[in-house]
Amino acid sequence: RVQASYSAPYHAFFSELRAATRPSVLELGSRARSGNTARDLFGEDYTGVDILPGPNVNIVADVHYLSDTVKTTFDYVFSMSTFEHFIMPWQAVGEINKVMNCNGLILTQTHQTWPLHDEPWDFFRFSSESWRGLFNEATGFEIIFAGYAEPAICTPVTNFGSPATSMDYNICQLASICLARK
């Protein structure tokens, strides 16, 4: 398993973003559910998209049909803890491609291991290999980085004697991160 800190892909994404002249940024899942936003990390040309209206949302849209609503293109796409909520992430990637400029950069982080949340809208967990299945030549992307962060210990609550529940503990990764270029 590739384990990394958030710093490597984040540093690459934000270094390029800060060096760009007037970069346009699209954040997927931008609603300030906990009162926090990433808006201050980006410049003036920022657009926040979410499936529901709320604080920090400029456009209400379903990412599976993003290009039906978003009629401009972006240099950078940023997505934190949203991909697990896309019922068809492969369709979402196709739509992201449609609203990105050539040579654009996407940074996405989601869960590899995490409790269910926002049910019934919690569908997937992502390994580093899953990013390669989504962001690849066929979908118009090249992976720069795919890996894990936030190691944790995973221990079953019960032990029924089966191989799945008789383990003492296992290292798991809470986060899965992908940096890809269109």
Foldseek 3Di string as FASTA:
>chain_A
DDEDAPCPLVVVVLVVQVVDDPFAEEEEQQACPVVDGCVVSHDDRYAYEYCDDHPRHPYHDDLLPQCVTDPAAGQEYEYEAPCQQRQCSLSSLLSNVVRYDAFHKYKYKHFQDDDDPPPPRGHDHDALVVVCVRAHVVSPKDWPDKHFYAKDKDADPDCPPDPVHPDGIDIDGGMIMTMMTD
